[in-house]
Amino acid sequence: MDKTRFVIITGLSGAGKSIAVRCFEDSGFFCVDNIPSQLILKFAEICLKSKDKLSKIALVVDIRGGIFFKDLYKSLEYLKDIGINREILFLEASDEVLVHRFSSTRRKHPLNLSGSIMENIQAEREQLKELRSLADLIIDTSNLTPKQLNNEIIRSFIKRKKQKIQITLVSFGYKYGLPIDVDIIFDLRFLPNPFYVEDLRALPGTNSAVENYLAKFPITQYFTHKFFELIEYLIPYYLQEGKTYLSIAFGCTGGRHRSVTLINSLAKYLKTCGYKTLVRHRDVKKEEIKE
């Protein structure tokens, strides 16, 4: 079953699961939307009997399953017991974005517990908390267009590299909020801030002048040495626990200088260790990254 990809697509209503399943279909997966949890086992048996002829399956399982949804966890355990390496893709978005999406489409929320869309969204988020903790990859679609989400799924999940773990590195600014789709977040606001150097203020963290400024401080040198070695040390243990995706975020005040420079440095370091990474500078404009 090493060649089989058995993907569970799930997440919050309105977060983009319909886009995700079309993306998997276009990539050659056999897809079923809104499948009852009990039927997951049937598809697992089909996989086992097909002798790799049916090797790419993507099933959408979510709160629409109603009374059947509670059986999902038993099905996931069964997949593990029979040797099928299931992967879980979890899509989510902020409450405000989800309310806007439901309001603009004038659709009911699947839970329909009350007249308030916000209450339904929050109730669903609570019910999916355990499933979210089991996810291999979590994508926050709040700021993604359908095309961007499609590209992100293809890049991060469908066309993953042969290395055993996919590492995503994110820079961000605390003033714009925490990223909610990462495993490890580290605050870099203890480092000297290039924003207060007049010649550097307008430059992004990808500029060599900013990089050189930060690199000259002993605290930067000490941090990169210790933290980068720690991450290198931990990756094999994440793999040992069956983790196939790891995301790390560095944050600074505005997400333009310190976090950008240090994330790029971590990407270079991990490359020397044999790992390929995906780098995303969340709060830097595209035109600034090119400088």
Protein backbone atom coordinates (compact mmCIF):
# COMPACT_ATOMS: atom_id res chain seq x y z
CA MET A 1 0.00 0.00 0.00
CA ASP A 2 3.03 2.31 -0.14
CA LYS A 3 1.93 3.68 -3.52
CA THR A 4 -1.65 4.27 -2.44
CA ARG A 5 -2.80 7.76 -1.51
CA PHE A 6 -5.92 7.68 0.62
CA VAL A 7 -6.87 11.28 1.36
CA ILE A 8 -9.58 12.57 3.67
CA ILE A 9 -10.64 16.13 2.77
CA THR A 10 -12.38 17.84 5.65
CA GLY A 11 -12.70 21.12 7.51
CA LEU A 12 -15.13 23.95 8.17
CA SER A 13 -18.14 24.57 5.98
CA GLY A 14 -17.40 27.41 3.57
CA ALA A 15 -13.63 26.94 3.83
CA GLY A 16 -13.20 25.65 0.27
CA LYS A 17 -13.72 21.87 0.30
CA SER A 18 -15.60 21.98 -3.02
CA ILE A 19 -12.59 23.67 -4.61
CA ALA A 20 -10.30 21.09 -3.03
CA VAL A 21 -12.20 18.07 -4.30
CA ARG A 22 -12.24 19.48 -7.86
CA CYS A 23 -8.50 20.00 -7.57
CA PHE A 24 -8.01 16.35 -6.59
CA GLU A 25 -10.30 15.17 -9.41
CA ASP A 26 -8.28 17.16 -11.95
CA SER A 27 -5.13 15.50 -10.55
CA GLY A 28 -6.42 11.98 -11.25
CA PHE A 29 -7.89 11.06 -7.86
CA PHE A 30 -11.09 9.05 -7.54
CA CYS A 31 -13.22 11.43 -5.46
CA VAL A 32 -16.43 11.13 -3.48
CA ASP A 33 -18.03 14.15 -1.81
CA ASN A 34 -20.00 13.97 1.46
CA ILE A 35 -19.43 10.29 2.03
CA PRO A 36 -20.84 8.63 5.20
CA SER A 37 -18.04 7.58 7.53
CA GLN A 38 -19.01 3.88 7.37
CA LEU A 39 -18.36 3.80 3.62
CA ILE A 40 -14.74 4.81 4.14
CA LEU A 41 -14.08 1.21 5.12
CA LYS A 42 -15.64 -0.03 1.88
CA PHE A 43 -13.30 2.14 -0.15
CA ALA A 44 -10.38 0.88 1.91
CA GLU A 45 -11.32 -2.69 1.04
CA ILE A 46 -11.59 -1.76 -2.64
CA CYS A 47 -8.07 -0.32 -2.47
CA LEU A 48 -6.72 -3.50 -0.94
CA LYS A 49 -8.36 -5.69 -3.57
CA SER A 50 -7.47 -3.54 -6.58
CA LYS A 51 -3.76 -4.39 -6.42
CA ASP A 52 -2.74 -0.75 -6.91
CA LYS A 53 -5.16 -0.19 -9.81
CA LEU A 54 -7.11 2.21 -7.59
CA SER A 55 -4.22 3.97 -5.90
CA LYS A 56 -5.43 7.56 -5.55
CA ILE A 57 -8.60 8.21 -3.58
CA ALA A 58 -9.88 11.43 -2.03
CA LEU A 59 -13.00 11.43 0.14
CA VAL A 60 -14.76 14.50 1.50
CA VAL A 61 -15.99 13.88 5.04
CA ASP A 62 -17.47 16.68 7.10
CA ILE A 63 -20.24 17.80 9.39
CA ARG A 64 -22.84 17.20 6.66
CA GLY A 65 -22.57 13.51 7.58
CA GLY A 66 -24.81 14.20 10.54
CA ILE A 67 -25.23 11.18 12.82
CA PHE A 68 -22.71 9.23 10.74
CA PHE A 69 -19.92 11.75 11.35
CA LYS A 70 -19.24 10.47 14.88
CA ASP A 71 -18.11 7.12 13.41
CA LEU A 72 -15.29 8.80 11.49
CA TYR A 73 -12.69 8.29 14.20
CA LYS A 74 -13.35 4.55 14.31
CA SER A 75 -12.92 4.41 10.54
CA LEU A 76 -9.63 6.30 10.73
CA GLU A 77 -8.32 3.86 13.34
CA TYR A 78 -9.40 0.94 11.17
CA LEU A 79 -7.47 2.34 8.19
CA LYS A 80 -4.38 2.47 10.36
CA ASP A 81 -4.93 -1.11 11.57
CA ILE A 82 -5.11 -2.53 8.04
CA GLY A 83 -2.00 -0.67 6.90
CA ILE A 84 -3.50 2.13 4.81
CA ASN A 85 -1.58 5.36 5.29
CA ARG A 86 -4.47 7.83 5.26
CA GLU A 87 -3.77 11.55 4.92
CA ILE A 88 -6.01 14.30 6.24
CA LEU A 89 -6.30 17.71 4.59
CA PHE A 90 -8.13 20.19 6.83
CA LEU A 91 -9.42 23.50 5.48
CA GLU A 92 -10.44 26.39 7.70
CA ALA A 93 -10.94 30.16 7.69
CA SER A 94 -11.65 32.91 10.20
CA ASP A 95 -15.16 33.31 11.59
CA GLU A 96 -15.56 36.69 9.91
CA VAL A 97 -14.59 35.35 6.48
CA LEU A 98 -16.92 32.35 6.81
CA VAL A 99 -19.84 34.58 7.82
CA HIS A 100 -19.19 36.76 4.76
CA ARG A 101 -19.05 33.72 2.46
CA PHE A 102 -22.35 32.33 3.75
CA SER A 103 -23.99 35.74 3.57
CA SER A 104 -22.84 36.35 -0.01
CA THR A 105 -24.04 32.94 -1.23
CA ARG A 106 -27.23 33.02 0.89
CA ARG A 107 -26.76 29.38 1.81
CA LYS A 108 -27.72 27.79 5.12
CA HIS A 109 -25.02 26.47 7.40
CA PRO A 110 -25.14 22.62 7.45
CA LEU A 111 -25.50 22.49 11.24
CA ASN A 112 -28.49 24.84 11.23
CA LEU A 113 -28.59 24.84 15.04
CA SER A 114 -29.92 28.37 15.26
CA GLY A 115 -30.69 31.43 13.19
CA SER A 116 -27.17 32.79 13.75
CA ILE A 117 -24.53 31.83 11.19
CA MET A 118 -21.79 32.80 13.63
CA GLU A 119 -23.12 30.43 16.31
CA ASN A 120 -23.24 27.57 13.81
CA ILE A 121 -19.70 28.26 12.65
CA GLN A 122 -18.36 28.32 16.20
CA ALA A 123 -20.23 25.13 17.08
CA GLU A 124 -18.82 23.39 14.01
CA ARG A 125 -15.30 24.59 14.85
CA GLU A 126 -15.66 23.05 18.32
CA GLN A 127 -16.96 19.74 16.94
CA LEU A 128 -14.07 19.49 14.48
CA LYS A 129 -11.36 20.34 17.03
CA GLU A 130 -10.26 16.72 17.50
CA LEU A 131 -10.25 16.02 13.75
CA ARG A 132 -8.16 19.15 13.16
CA SER A 133 -5.54 17.84 15.60
CA LEU A 134 -5.17 14.71 13.44
CA ALA A 135 -4.65 16.61 10.18
CA ASP A 136 -1.48 16.18 8.15
CA LEU A 137 -1.91 19.59 6.56
CA ILE A 138 -4.06 22.55 7.63
CA ILE A 139 -4.71 25.35 5.17
CA ASP A 140 -6.23 28.65 6.25
CA THR A 141 -8.18 29.91 3.22
CA SER A 142 -9.16 33.29 4.71
CA ASN A 143 -6.91 35.30 2.39
CA LEU A 144 -6.79 32.90 -0.57
CA THR A 145 -8.64 33.23 -3.85
CA PRO A 146 -10.01 29.97 -5.36
CA LYS A 147 -7.07 29.89 -7.78
CA GLN A 148 -4.56 30.45 -4.98
CA LEU A 149 -6.14 27.68 -2.90
CA ASN A 150 -6.03 25.34 -5.89
CA ASN A 151 -2.34 26.10 -6.41
CA GLU A 152 -1.57 25.71 -2.71
CA ILE A 153 -3.20 22.26 -2.58
CA ILE A 154 -1.33 21.10 -5.67
CA ARG A 155 2.01 22.44 -4.44
CA SER A 156 1.79 21.45 -0.79
CA PHE A 157 -0.26 18.26 -0.88
CA ILE A 158 -0.82 16.62 -4.25
CA LYS A 159 2.57 17.07 -5.92
CA ARG A 160 4.66 16.63 -2.81
CA LYS A 161 8.30 15.75 -3.22
CA LYS A 162 9.75 12.33 -2.54
CA GLN A 163 11.29 13.47 0.72
CA LYS A 164 9.39 12.00 3.65
CA ILE A 165 8.37 15.32 5.17
CA GLN A 166 7.07 18.52 3.58
CA ILE A 167 8.38 21.59 5.39
CA THR A 168 6.65 24.96 4.99
CA LEU A 169 8.30 28.11 6.35
CA VAL A 170 6.23 31.25 6.94
CA SER A 171 7.18 34.81 7.87
CA PHE A 172 4.50 37.08 9.34
CA GLY A 173 3.86 40.29 11.26
CA TYR A 174 2.24 40.20 14.69
CA LYS A 175 0.38 43.43 13.90
CA TYR A 176 -1.60 41.48 11.28
CA GLY A 177 -2.38 38.50 13.52
CA LEU A 178 -0.98 35.02 14.09
CA PRO A 179 -1.04 32.45 11.29
CA ILE A 180 -3.37 29.67 12.38
CA ASP A 181 -2.13 26.96 10.03
CA VAL A 182 1.38 26.34 11.41
CA ASP A 183 2.89 23.87 13.91
CA ILE A 184 5.68 26.00 15.41
CA ILE A 185 5.61 29.78 15.92
CA PHE A 186 8.65 31.74 17.13
CA ASP A 187 8.71 35.41 18.09
CA LEU A 188 11.71 37.32 16.66
CA ARG A 189 10.88 40.70 18.16
CA PHE A 190 13.89 40.36 20.48
CA LEU A 191 16.21 40.94 17.50
CA PRO A 192 17.38 44.46 16.48
CA ASN A 193 14.74 46.05 14.26
CA PRO A 194 15.91 47.37 10.83
CA PHE A 195 12.77 49.51 10.75
CA TYR A 196 14.53 52.02 13.01
CA VAL A 197 17.48 52.36 10.64
CA GLU A 198 16.54 55.02 8.11
CA ASP A 199 18.43 53.48 5.18
CA LEU A 200 16.83 50.07 5.79
CA ARG A 201 13.26 50.98 6.71
CA ALA A 202 11.88 50.86 3.18
CA LEU A 203 13.77 47.68 2.22
CA PRO A 204 12.32 44.17 2.59
CA GLY A 205 14.03 41.40 4.52
CA THR A 206 15.13 39.82 1.25
CA ASN A 207 17.49 42.73 0.61
CA SER A 208 21.18 42.00 1.29
CA ALA A 209 21.58 45.24 3.28
CA VAL A 210 18.93 44.08 5.76
CA GLU A 211 20.42 40.60 5.88
CA ASN A 212 23.90 41.96 6.60
CA TYR A 213 22.58 44.31 9.28
CA LEU A 214 20.88 41.50 11.19
CA ALA A 215 23.74 39.04 10.71
CA LYS A 216 26.29 41.30 12.42
CA PHE A 217 24.61 41.05 15.85
CA PRO A 218 25.79 38.27 18.22
CA ILE A 219 22.19 37.59 19.31
CA THR A 220 21.21 36.82 15.72
CA GLN A 221 24.22 34.56 15.26
CA TYR A 222 23.53 32.73 18.52
CA PHE A 223 19.83 32.28 17.80
CA THR A 224 20.29 30.96 14.27
CA HIS A 225 22.97 28.53 15.44
CA LYS A 226 20.92 27.14 18.34
CA PHE A 227 17.45 27.18 16.82
CA PHE A 228 18.40 25.88 13.41
CA GLU A 229 20.30 22.97 14.95
CA LEU A 230 17.31 22.23 17.19
CA ILE A 231 14.95 22.04 14.21
CA GLU A 232 17.38 19.77 12.35
CA TYR A 233 17.57 17.55 15.41
CA LEU A 234 13.78 17.35 15.82
CA ILE A 235 12.74 16.60 12.22
CA PRO A 236 13.66 12.88 12.36
CA TYR A 237 11.54 12.55 15.51
CA TYR A 238 8.56 14.13 13.78
CA LEU A 239 9.05 11.61 10.99
CA GLN A 240 9.27 8.81 13.53
CA GLU A 241 5.83 9.82 14.82
CA GLY A 242 4.42 9.62 11.29
CA LYS A 243 4.26 13.37 10.62
CA THR A 244 4.55 14.09 6.90
CA TYR A 245 4.05 17.88 7.04
CA LEU A 246 5.76 20.42 9.28
CA SER A 247 5.18 24.17 9.24
CA ILE A 248 7.33 26.73 11.05
CA ALA A 249 6.58 30.45 11.34
CA PHE A 250 8.81 33.35 12.39
CA GLY A 251 7.08 36.55 13.42
CA CYS A 252 8.24 40.14 13.90
CA THR A 253 6.30 43.36 14.30
CA GLY A 254 5.37 44.07 10.68
CA GLY A 255 6.49 40.87 8.96
CA ARG A 256 8.79 42.69 6.52
CA HIS A 257 12.32 42.55 7.95
CA ARG A 258 13.46 40.19 10.70
CA SER A 259 11.02 37.34 10.09
CA VAL A 260 11.64 37.41 6.33
CA THR A 261 15.43 37.37 6.65
CA LEU A 262 15.48 34.60 9.25
CA ILE A 263 12.95 32.39 7.43
CA ASN A 264 15.08 32.60 4.29
CA SER A 265 18.15 31.73 6.37
CA LEU A 266 16.36 28.71 7.85
CA ALA A 267 15.36 27.59 4.35
CA LYS A 268 19.00 27.73 3.24
CA TYR A 269 20.12 25.85 6.33
CA LEU A 270 17.56 23.07 5.87
CA LYS A 271 18.60 22.76 2.23
CA THR A 272 22.16 21.96 3.36
CA CYS A 273 20.61 19.28 5.59
CA GLY A 274 18.91 17.66 2.59
CA TYR A 275 15.39 19.05 3.10
CA LYS A 276 13.41 21.01 0.55
CA THR A 277 11.10 23.72 1.82
CA LEU A 278 8.22 25.90 0.72
CA VAL A 279 8.70 29.53 1.79
CA ARG A 280 5.81 31.96 2.20
CA HIS A 281 6.24 35.58 3.25
CA ARG A 282 2.68 36.28 4.35
CA ASP A 283 2.88 40.02 4.92
CA VAL A 284 5.36 41.10 2.27
CA LYS A 285 4.04 42.41 -1.03
CA LYS A 286 5.21 40.51 -4.10
CA GLU A 287 6.96 43.53 -5.55
CA GLU A 288 9.00 43.88 -2.36
CA ILE A 289 10.17 40.26 -2.42
CA LYS A 290 11.74 40.80 -5.83
CA GLU A 291 14.01 43.58 -4.61
